[in-house]
């Protein structure tokens, strides 16, 4: 096991511990685990014997952070700080569960997170349950027999930790998870969602999802069933995103199909990173939503509003997230149909696709590639992969490089203009004419109001009074 490297701590750590010096605070949980694994620590969790709220408020006041009380009765609170690069640091403060730090640790979930660091004096790790040894052996073990009874959400947390750390859940812990899983029915959907999204934040999402299925936990999270081929698709999606998110991943790119993907689409690496980092609500990114779209893609969903409502019944997403997911599901099916067609793509096809699906269409293109991302052995399969990549590149080029020409051309006329110029009463026909005009802008590059009027005049003349 690696010795603790102070460079893995956030830059504000010393300032925080100086302010907590008189409180007998302990660093606990995942931060201690990551320090022992020689990983960077991004969040801090302190346990105090008393006065957590005043201590946390002092940290927030002195370091210019935001202060929130999460549970007044249990004196649980949170401080959010920003570093010099505007990176967010979440610092949680909790009251001892018990009279001593050892009693507090005994009430925690797994041995690898039931360790504490005494912040006073020399660095001293308190490890009453041999969590450091389990870290060394790569094991997920319950701290106590009652850990899952105390909080059934820990069933999901075990799977997440095993996937993200590439650890093994001990057989006796797996048995306890199976026995305790009905308790998830009493856990709030919001807590289940948040834990699930931590799993979707990676790495090894496919391994985590498969473990959920094998342990019988999947139905407590998502509607429907996990189809047999879905873990493979998720693995492909992990690989695809790693090709864009990692600067150098020669091992993954050495495969022929993956190397060709990097060659064709590698120029969008920075744009893709920015796209995936977008958060429709704080803390939940488009990156995570792409995995959710892939998991829900087998469901037979109706129109987008109904789809969003269906998803949100079990996974409490914001309206914006649910709408994005539902659109992504439909866009993925539409993209499959587009890639099956032959012939040269046209700008108007790009316009129609993104006009219908917006930025969810971008996710659908990559999800489609993820579904097809396998070793291409046969010549026919290789040619199909080349054609899929070329079509993806064309649509992405339209979305990111020709957005104002192919996706969102400038408005030349509005509905009022059409009513006045052609004496047409308000109604659906106005919308149809406007859509015809926008498609013609994409198709032939109309630039002015006069060109737009001339085009619509010709269309109305050709229609000879029939509805367009």
Protein backbone atom coordinates (compact mmCIF):
# COMPACT_ATOMS: atom_id res chain seq x y z
CA UNK A 1 0.00 0.00 0.00
CA UNK A 2 1.32 3.41 -0.95
CA UNK A 3 2.22 5.92 1.71
CA UNK A 4 0.06 9.01 1.92
CA UNK A 5 1.10 11.67 -0.56
CA UNK A 6 0.03 15.14 0.56
CA UNK A 7 0.13 16.33 -3.05
CA UNK A 8 -3.04 14.31 -3.66
CA UNK A 9 -4.98 16.56 -1.26
CA UNK A 10 -6.90 19.62 -2.49
CA UNK A 11 -5.06 22.92 -2.31
CA UNK A 12 -7.41 24.19 0.43
CA UNK A 13 -6.79 21.21 2.74
CA UNK A 14 -4.22 22.88 5.02
CA UNK A 15 -6.38 25.99 5.41
CA UNK A 16 -9.38 23.85 6.36
CA UNK A 17 -7.49 21.73 8.89
CA UNK A 18 -5.94 24.84 10.46
CA UNK A 19 -9.46 26.15 11.08
CA UNK A 20 -10.52 22.76 12.52
CA UNK A 21 -7.46 22.34 14.72
CA UNK A 22 -9.31 22.91 18.00
CA UNK A 23 -12.32 20.72 17.15
CA UNK A 24 -10.69 17.27 17.16
CA UNK A 25 -11.90 16.61 13.62
CA UNK A 26 -11.04 13.51 11.56
CA UNK A 27 -10.87 13.09 7.80
CA UNK A 28 -12.98 10.03 7.00
CA UNK A 29 -14.45 7.93 4.21
CA UNK A 30 -13.53 8.06 0.54
CA UNK A 31 -10.83 10.71 0.97
CA UNK A 32 -8.77 8.43 3.22
CA UNK A 33 -9.34 5.51 0.85
CA UNK A 34 -8.13 7.55 -2.15
CA UNK A 35 -5.09 8.81 -0.27
CA UNK A 36 -4.05 5.23 0.53
CA UNK A 37 -4.56 4.33 -3.14
CA UNK A 38 -2.35 7.30 -4.11
CA UNK A 39 -5.24 8.93 -5.96
CA UNK A 40 -6.17 12.59 -6.09
CA UNK A 41 -8.82 13.59 -3.56
CA UNK A 42 -11.64 15.73 -4.93
CA UNK A 43 -14.08 15.83 -1.98
CA UNK A 44 -13.48 15.93 1.76
CA UNK A 45 -15.56 14.45 4.59
CA UNK A 46 -14.84 15.37 8.21
CA UNK A 47 -16.33 13.72 11.30
CA UNK A 48 -16.46 15.78 14.51
CA UNK A 49 -17.50 14.87 18.07
CA UNK A 50 -19.56 18.08 18.42
CA UNK A 51 -20.34 21.52 16.99
CA UNK A 52 -20.22 20.51 13.32
CA UNK A 53 -22.45 23.38 12.16
CA UNK A 54 -20.37 26.17 13.77
CA UNK A 55 -17.15 24.56 12.52
CA UNK A 56 -18.45 24.26 8.98
CA UNK A 57 -19.79 27.80 9.00
CA UNK A 58 -16.39 29.09 10.13
CA UNK A 59 -14.69 27.29 7.23
CA UNK A 60 -17.20 28.74 4.77
CA UNK A 61 -16.84 32.28 6.17
CA UNK A 62 -13.06 32.25 6.33
CA UNK A 63 -12.49 30.66 2.91
CA UNK A 64 -15.31 32.35 1.03
CA UNK A 65 -17.42 29.25 0.49
CA UNK A 66 -21.12 28.46 0.40
CA UNK A 67 -22.66 26.86 3.50
CA UNK A 68 -25.64 24.48 3.63
CA UNK A 69 -27.26 22.52 6.44
CA UNK A 70 -28.20 19.08 5.08
CA UNK A 71 -29.69 17.60 8.25
CA UNK A 72 -30.31 19.86 11.24
CA UNK A 73 -31.10 17.00 13.61
CA UNK A 74 -27.89 15.09 12.82
CA UNK A 75 -25.84 18.29 12.42
CA UNK A 76 -24.79 17.36 8.91
CA UNK A 77 -23.71 20.24 6.71
CA UNK A 78 -21.80 21.02 3.54
CA UNK A 79 -19.41 23.70 2.40
CA UNK A 80 -18.63 24.28 -1.27
CA UNK A 81 -15.34 25.99 -2.04
CA UNK A 82 -13.67 27.10 -5.27
CA UNK A 83 -9.95 26.97 -5.95
CA UNK A 84 -7.85 29.38 -7.98
CA UNK A 85 -8.88 27.56 -11.18
CA UNK A 86 -12.57 27.73 -10.19
CA UNK A 87 -12.71 23.98 -9.54
CA UNK A 88 -15.37 23.01 -7.02
CA UNK A 89 -14.50 21.28 -3.75
CA UNK A 90 -17.29 19.74 -1.66
CA UNK A 91 -16.51 19.52 2.07
CA UNK A 92 -18.98 17.62 4.27
CA UNK A 93 -19.15 17.77 8.05
CA UNK A 94 -20.88 15.07 10.10
CA UNK A 95 -21.36 14.42 13.79
CA UNK A 96 -19.87 11.26 15.29
CA UNK A 97 -22.23 8.30 15.19
CA UNK A 98 -21.26 7.16 18.67
CA UNK A 99 -19.00 8.61 21.30
CA UNK A 100 -15.63 7.97 19.64
CA UNK A 101 -14.18 7.93 16.17
CA UNK A 102 -13.91 4.12 16.39
CA UNK A 103 -17.65 3.86 17.13
CA UNK A 104 -18.33 6.22 14.23
CA UNK A 105 -16.28 4.08 11.85
CA UNK A 106 -18.09 0.93 12.99
CA UNK A 107 -21.36 2.36 11.68
CA UNK A 108 -20.02 2.97 8.18
CA UNK A 109 -20.59 0.80 5.13
CA UNK A 110 -17.43 -0.94 3.91
CA UNK A 111 -14.05 -1.55 5.46
CA UNK A 112 -12.26 0.46 2.75
CA UNK A 113 -14.27 3.56 3.72
CA UNK A 114 -14.26 2.87 7.48
CA UNK A 115 -10.92 4.52 8.07
CA UNK A 116 -10.05 7.92 9.47
CA UNK A 117 -7.10 10.26 9.39
CA UNK A 118 -6.26 12.19 12.54
CA UNK A 119 -5.58 15.67 11.19
CA UNK A 120 -3.68 16.78 14.29
CA UNK A 121 0.04 16.23 14.60
CA UNK A 122 1.67 13.40 12.69
CA UNK A 123 -0.44 11.72 10.02
CA UNK A 124 -2.07 8.73 11.68
CA UNK A 125 -4.57 6.43 9.96
CA UNK A 126 -7.17 4.86 12.24
CA UNK A 127 -8.11 1.51 10.70
CA UNK A 128 -10.00 -0.75 13.16
CA UNK A 129 -11.47 -3.02 10.42
CA UNK A 130 -8.35 -3.67 8.29
CA UNK A 131 -9.61 -1.54 5.44
CA UNK A 132 -6.07 -0.86 4.26
CA UNK A 133 -5.51 -4.60 3.80
CA UNK A 134 -8.76 -4.92 1.85
CA UNK A 135 -7.59 -2.03 -0.35
CA UNK A 136 -4.38 -3.91 -0.98
CA UNK A 137 -6.29 -7.12 -1.78
CA UNK A 138 -8.91 -5.34 -3.91
CA UNK A 139 -11.91 -6.45 -1.85
CA UNK A 140 -15.31 -4.96 -0.99
CA UNK A 141 -16.29 -6.15 2.49
CA UNK A 142 -19.07 -4.94 4.80
CA UNK A 143 -17.92 -3.26 7.98
CA UNK A 144 -20.64 -4.94 10.05
CA UNK A 145 -23.47 -7.43 9.73
CA UNK A 146 -26.01 -4.62 10.12
CA UNK A 147 -24.48 -2.26 7.51
CA UNK A 148 -27.07 -3.01 4.82
CA UNK A 149 -29.96 -3.10 7.28
CA UNK A 150 -28.98 0.39 8.42
CA UNK A 151 -29.12 1.70 4.85
CA UNK A 152 -30.12 -0.47 1.88
CA UNK A 153 -28.68 2.06 -0.56
CA UNK A 154 -25.32 0.55 0.34
CA UNK A 155 -26.25 -2.41 -1.89
CA UNK A 156 -25.84 -0.10 -4.88
CA UNK A 157 -22.79 1.59 -3.40
CA UNK A 158 -21.00 -1.76 -3.17
CA UNK A 159 -21.50 -2.29 -6.89
CA UNK A 160 -20.34 1.22 -7.73
CA UNK A 161 -17.17 0.94 -5.66
CA UNK A 162 -16.35 -2.48 -7.10
CA UNK A 163 -16.74 -1.18 -10.65
CA UNK A 164 -14.88 2.09 -10.20
CA UNK A 165 -12.00 0.59 -8.23
CA UNK A 166 -11.97 -2.69 -10.20
CA UNK A 167 -12.39 -4.57 -6.91
CA UNK A 168 -14.17 -7.83 -6.09
CA UNK A 169 -17.22 -8.03 -3.83
CA UNK A 170 -16.69 -10.86 -1.37
CA UNK A 171 -19.14 -13.79 -1.70
CA UNK A 172 -20.56 -13.25 1.80
CA UNK A 173 -21.13 -9.58 1.00
CA UNK A 174 -22.85 -10.52 -2.26
CA UNK A 175 -25.14 -12.87 -0.32
CA UNK A 176 -26.01 -10.11 2.12
CA UNK A 177 -26.78 -7.75 -0.77
CA UNK A 178 -29.22 -10.27 -2.25
CA UNK A 179 -30.93 -10.69 1.12
CA UNK A 180 -31.10 -6.96 1.79
CA UNK A 181 -32.15 -5.67 -1.64
CA UNK A 182 -35.93 -5.53 -0.88
CA UNK A 183 -35.07 -2.69 1.50
CA UNK A 184 -34.40 -0.53 -1.58
CA UNK A 185 -38.16 -0.18 -1.95
CA UNK A 186 -38.05 2.07 1.12
CA UNK A 187 -35.17 4.21 -0.18
CA UNK A 188 -36.17 7.46 -1.87
CA UNK A 189 -35.93 7.46 -5.69
CA UNK A 190 -33.75 10.57 -5.48
CA UNK A 191 -31.08 8.79 -3.41
CA UNK A 192 -31.16 5.78 -5.75
CA UNK A 193 -30.83 8.10 -8.76
CA UNK A 194 -27.86 9.94 -7.27
CA UNK A 195 -26.02 6.70 -6.45
CA UNK A 196 -26.78 5.34 -9.91
CA UNK A 197 -25.46 8.49 -11.58
CA UNK A 198 -22.23 8.11 -9.63
CA UNK A 199 -21.92 4.68 -11.23
CA UNK A 200 -22.63 6.20 -14.65
CA UNK A 201 -19.82 8.68 -14.04
CA UNK A 202 -17.43 5.77 -14.56
CA UNK A 203 -15.16 4.09 -15.07
CA UNK A 204 -16.31 0.54 -15.90
CA UNK A 205 -19.98 1.39 -16.27
CA UNK A 206 -20.71 -1.82 -18.17
CA UNK A 207 -19.21 -4.00 -15.43
CA UNK A 208 -21.25 -2.13 -12.83
CA UNK A 209 -24.50 -2.48 -14.78
CA UNK A 210 -23.89 -6.19 -15.31
CA UNK A 211 -23.25 -6.60 -11.57
CA UNK A 212 -26.54 -4.84 -10.83
CA UNK A 213 -28.26 -7.34 -13.10
CA UNK A 214 -26.52 -10.37 -11.59
CA UNK A 215 -27.31 -9.27 -8.03
CA UNK A 216 -30.97 -8.58 -8.85
CA UNK A 217 -30.64 -4.83 -8.25
CA UNK A 218 -31.36 -3.54 -11.75
CA UNK A 219 -35.21 -3.48 -11.44
CA UNK A 220 -34.94 -1.19 -8.41
CA UNK A 221 -33.28 1.44 -10.59
CA UNK A 222 -34.62 1.34 -14.15
CA UNK A 223 -37.82 0.21 -15.86
CA UNK A 224 -37.71 -2.80 -18.15
CA UNK A 225 -34.99 -5.44 -18.29
CA UNK A 226 -31.36 -5.42 -19.33
CA UNK A 227 -31.25 -7.11 -22.72
CA UNK A 228 -28.49 -9.71 -23.30
CA UNK A 229 -26.50 -7.59 -25.75
CA UNK A 230 -26.67 -4.34 -23.78
CA UNK A 231 -23.50 -4.85 -21.65
CA UNK A 232 -21.48 -5.22 -24.86
CA UNK A 233 -22.95 -1.98 -26.21
CA UNK A 234 -22.07 -0.23 -22.96
CA UNK A 235 -18.50 -1.52 -23.17
CA UNK A 236 -18.28 -0.13 -26.68
CA UNK A 237 -19.59 3.21 -25.47
CA UNK A 238 -16.99 3.29 -22.67
CA UNK A 239 -14.29 2.63 -25.25
CA UNK A 240 -15.61 5.25 -27.64
CA UNK A 241 -15.74 7.98 -25.00
CA UNK A 242 -12.27 7.06 -23.74
CA UNK A 243 -10.92 7.66 -27.24
CA UNK A 244 -12.16 11.24 -27.01
CA UNK A 245 -11.64 11.95 -23.32
CA UNK A 246 -8.10 10.57 -22.95
CA UNK A 247 -5.29 12.40 -24.70
CA UNK A 248 -3.31 9.27 -25.50
CA UNK A 249 -4.88 5.85 -25.47
CA UNK A 250 -2.70 3.91 -27.90
CA UNK A 251 -3.83 0.50 -26.67
CA UNK A 252 -7.50 1.19 -27.35
CA UNK A 253 -6.78 2.96 -30.65
CA UNK A 254 -4.52 0.16 -31.92
CA UNK A 255 -7.57 -1.86 -32.97
CA UNK A 256 -8.39 -1.23 -36.65
CA UNK A 257 -11.96 -0.02 -36.16
CA UNK A 258 -11.04 2.22 -33.23
CA UNK A 259 -8.01 3.62 -34.98
CA UNK A 260 -10.14 4.51 -37.99
CA UNK A 261 -12.65 6.22 -35.68
CA UNK A 262 -9.88 8.38 -34.21
CA UNK A 263 -8.61 9.16 -37.71
CA UNK A 264 -12.03 10.19 -38.98
CA UNK A 265 -13.38 12.01 -35.92
CA UNK A 266 -10.33 12.84 -33.80
CA UNK A 267 -10.44 16.51 -34.78
CA UNK A 268 -13.60 16.85 -32.65
CA UNK A 269 -11.88 15.66 -29.44
CA UNK A 270 -12.05 19.02 -27.64
CA UNK A 271 -15.58 19.75 -28.86
CA UNK A 272 -16.77 16.33 -27.69
CA UNK A 273 -15.22 16.88 -24.27
CA UNK A 274 -17.04 20.17 -23.90
CA UNK A 275 -20.28 18.58 -25.08
CA UNK A 276 -20.06 15.71 -22.59
CA UNK A 277 -19.20 18.05 -19.72
CA UNK A 278 -22.45 20.00 -20.09
CA UNK A 279 -24.74 19.68 -17.07
CA UNK A 280 -28.46 20.10 -17.65
CA UNK A 281 -28.68 20.22 -13.86
CA UNK A 282 -25.66 20.64 -11.56
CA UNK A 283 -23.77 17.41 -10.95
CA UNK A 284 -25.35 15.34 -13.75
CA UNK A 285 -23.66 15.57 -17.13
CA UNK A 286 -24.53 14.65 -20.69
CA UNK A 287 -21.77 12.04 -20.42
CA UNK A 288 -23.82 10.20 -17.79
CA UNK A 289 -27.05 10.68 -19.72
CA UNK A 290 -25.60 8.96 -22.80
CA UNK A 291 -25.29 5.73 -20.82
CA UNK A 292 -28.84 6.14 -19.57
CA UNK A 293 -30.09 6.61 -23.13
CA UNK A 294 -28.26 3.45 -24.16
CA UNK A 295 -29.78 1.46 -21.28
CA UNK A 296 -33.30 2.67 -22.00
CA UNK A 297 -32.98 2.33 -25.76
CA UNK A 298 -34.68 -1.08 -25.83
CA UNK A 299 -37.88 0.27 -24.29
CA UNK A 300 -40.82 0.79 -26.57
CA UNK A 301 -41.56 4.45 -25.93
CA UNK A 302 -44.16 6.68 -27.47
CA UNK A 303 -43.98 10.36 -28.24
CA UNK A 304 -41.35 12.42 -26.47
CA UNK A 305 -43.52 14.03 -23.73
CA UNK A 306 -44.99 10.67 -22.76
CA UNK A 307 -41.53 9.08 -22.91
CA UNK A 308 -40.11 11.70 -20.58
CA UNK A 309 -42.92 11.10 -18.11
CA UNK A 310 -42.43 7.32 -18.33
CA UNK A 311 -38.71 7.60 -17.60
CA UNK A 312 -39.19 10.06 -14.77
CA UNK A 313 -41.61 7.74 -12.96
CA UNK A 314 -38.72 5.54 -11.84
CA UNK A 315 -35.68 7.76 -12.43
CA UNK A 316 -36.52 11.22 -11.04
CA UNK A 317 -34.83 13.42 -13.62
CA UNK A 318 -35.43 17.08 -14.19
CA UNK A 319 -37.85 17.89 -17.01
CA UNK A 320 -34.92 19.02 -19.14
CA UNK A 321 -32.99 15.79 -18.53
CA UNK A 322 -36.01 13.57 -19.14
CA UNK A 323 -36.76 15.40 -22.37
CA UNK A 324 -33.13 15.02 -23.49
CA UNK A 325 -33.12 11.30 -22.70
CA UNK A 326 -36.42 10.69 -24.49
CA UNK A 327 -35.23 12.62 -27.53
CA UNK A 328 -31.94 10.74 -27.46
CA UNK A 329 -33.75 7.39 -27.50
CA UNK A 330 -35.84 8.38 -30.52
CA UNK A 331 -32.87 10.01 -32.24
CA UNK A 332 -30.81 6.84 -31.86
CA UNK A 333 -33.49 4.81 -33.64
CA UNK A 334 -33.69 7.46 -36.35
CA UNK A 335 -29.92 7.42 -36.78
CA UNK A 336 -29.92 3.64 -37.23
CA UNK A 337 -32.33 4.11 -40.14
CA UNK A 338 -30.18 6.85 -41.64
CA UNK A 339 -27.04 4.72 -41.54
CA UNK A 340 -28.81 1.86 -43.29
CA UNK A 341 -29.54 4.08 -46.27
CA UNK A 342 -27.08 4.42 -49.12
CA UNK A 343 -26.15 7.41 -51.20
CA UNK A 344 -24.50 10.72 -50.43
CA UNK A 345 -25.88 12.66 -47.48
CA UNK A 346 -27.20 16.17 -48.14
CA UNK A 347 -27.18 19.28 -45.93
CA UNK A 348 -30.97 19.23 -45.77
CA UNK A 349 -30.82 15.80 -44.10
CA UNK A 350 -28.55 17.27 -41.46
CA UNK A 351 -31.01 20.11 -40.95
CA UNK A 352 -33.99 17.77 -40.58
CA UNK A 353 -32.20 15.49 -38.13
CA UNK A 354 -31.01 18.23 -35.78
CA UNK A 355 -34.17 20.29 -36.21
CA UNK A 356 -36.06 17.35 -34.77
CA UNK A 357 -33.60 16.19 -32.10
CA UNK A 358 -31.32 19.12 -31.27
CA UNK A 359 -28.18 18.37 -29.26
CA UNK A 360 -29.62 14.96 -28.32
CA UNK A 361 -28.97 14.11 -31.95
CA UNK A 362 -25.23 14.43 -31.30
CA UNK A 363 -25.49 11.84 -28.54
CA UNK A 364 -27.47 9.58 -30.87
CA UNK A 365 -24.75 9.65 -33.52
CA UNK A 366 -22.11 8.51 -31.04
CA UNK A 367 -24.46 5.95 -29.49
CA UNK A 368 -24.99 4.52 -32.97
CA UNK A 369 -21.25 4.28 -33.45
CA UNK A 370 -20.96 2.67 -30.02
CA UNK A 371 -23.43 -0.01 -31.04
CA UNK A 372 -21.36 -0.77 -34.11
CA UNK A 373 -17.91 -0.45 -32.52
CA UNK A 374 -16.54 -3.96 -32.78
CA UNK A 375 -13.59 -5.63 -34.43
CA UNK A 376 -14.29 -5.43 -38.13
CA UNK A 377 -12.95 -8.66 -39.60
CA UNK A 378 -14.92 -9.23 -42.78
CA UNK A 379 -14.40 -6.91 -45.74
CA UNK A 380 -18.13 -6.21 -45.90
CA UNK A 381 -18.22 -5.26 -42.21
CA UNK A 382 -15.20 -3.01 -42.65
CA UNK A 383 -16.85 -1.19 -45.51
CA UNK A 384 -20.02 -0.73 -43.44
CA UNK A 385 -17.94 0.75 -40.59
CA UNK A 386 -16.21 3.17 -42.98
CA UNK A 387 -19.59 4.30 -44.34
CA UNK A 388 -20.97 4.77 -40.80
CA UNK A 389 -17.97 6.88 -39.81
CA UNK A 390 -18.19 8.99 -42.95
CA UNK A 391 -21.86 9.68 -42.38
CA UNK A 392 -21.22 10.52 -38.74
CA UNK A 393 -18.43 12.89 -39.73
CA UNK A 394 -20.68 14.61 -42.27
CA UNK A 395 -23.48 15.20 -39.76
CA UNK A 396 -21.11 16.32 -37.00
CA UNK A 397 -19.36 18.64 -39.42
CA UNK A 398 -22.76 20.13 -40.23
CA UNK A 399 -23.64 20.55 -36.56
CA UNK A 400 -20.33 21.98 -35.39
CA UNK A 401 -18.78 23.60 -38.46
CA UNK A 402 -21.75 24.68 -40.59
CA UNK A 403 -24.31 25.28 -37.86
CA UNK A 404 -25.62 28.58 -39.24
CA UNK A 405 -25.81 27.23 -42.78
CA UNK A 406 -27.11 23.69 -42.24
CA UNK A 407 -28.71 23.54 -38.80
CA UNK A 408 -29.96 26.96 -37.76
CA UNK A 409 -30.10 29.28 -40.78
CA UNK A 410 -31.01 32.93 -40.07
CA UNK A 411 -34.66 33.95 -40.14
CA UNK A 412 -35.54 35.67 -43.42
CA UNK A 413 -39.30 35.88 -42.89
CA UNK A 414 -41.69 35.27 -40.04
CA UNK A 415 -45.33 34.26 -39.93
CA UNK A 416 -46.54 37.86 -39.91
CA UNK A 417 -44.58 38.59 -43.10
CA UNK A 418 -46.23 35.67 -44.87
CA UNK A 419 -49.70 36.75 -43.74
CA UNK A 420 -49.13 40.28 -45.00
CA UNK A 421 -47.38 39.47 -48.28
CA UNK A 422 -49.58 36.57 -49.42
CA UNK A 423 -52.83 37.29 -47.54
CA UNK A 424 -52.86 33.91 -45.84
CA UNK A 425 -54.87 33.48 -42.65
CA UNK A 426 -53.09 32.28 -39.49
CA UNK A 427 -52.92 28.49 -39.29
CA UNK A 428 -50.79 25.40 -39.93
CA UNK A 429 -50.11 26.46 -43.51
CA UNK A 430 -47.97 29.34 -42.26
CA UNK A 431 -45.71 26.90 -40.37
CA UNK A 432 -45.43 24.64 -43.41
CA UNK A 433 -44.33 27.55 -45.59
CA UNK A 434 -41.76 28.69 -43.05
CA UNK A 435 -40.33 25.18 -42.86
CA UNK A 436 -40.13 24.97 -46.65
CA UNK A 437 -38.26 28.25 -46.65
CA UNK A 438 -35.74 27.11 -44.03
CA UNK A 439 -35.06 23.89 -45.91
CA UNK A 440 -34.52 25.88 -49.09
CA UNK A 441 -32.08 28.15 -47.23
CA UNK A 442 -30.08 25.06 -46.36
CA UNK A 443 -30.46 23.53 -49.81
CA UNK A 444 -29.64 26.52 -52.01
CA UNK A 445 -28.29 29.18 -49.64
CA UNK A 446 -30.98 31.86 -49.79
CA UNK A 447 -29.60 34.95 -48.06
CA UNK A 448 -32.10 37.82 -48.22
CA UNK A 449 -35.71 38.60 -47.44
CA UNK A 450 -36.35 39.25 -51.12
CA UNK A 451 -35.01 35.82 -52.09
CA UNK A 452 -37.24 34.25 -49.46
CA UNK A 453 -40.33 36.05 -50.77
CA UNK A 454 -39.54 35.03 -54.33
CA UNK A 455 -39.11 31.40 -53.33
CA UNK A 456 -42.44 31.30 -51.45
CA UNK A 457 -44.20 33.09 -54.32
CA UNK A 458 -43.03 30.35 -56.69
CA UNK A 459 -44.06 27.63 -54.25
CA UNK A 460 -47.54 29.08 -53.87
CA UNK A 461 -47.85 29.39 -57.61
CA UNK A 462 -46.79 25.77 -58.12
CA UNK A 463 -49.19 24.58 -55.48
CA UNK A 464 -52.04 26.14 -57.45
CA UNK A 465 -54.03 26.67 -54.30
CA UNK A 466 -53.41 23.22 -52.84
CA UNK A 467 -52.13 22.87 -49.30
CA UNK A 468 -48.35 22.75 -49.05
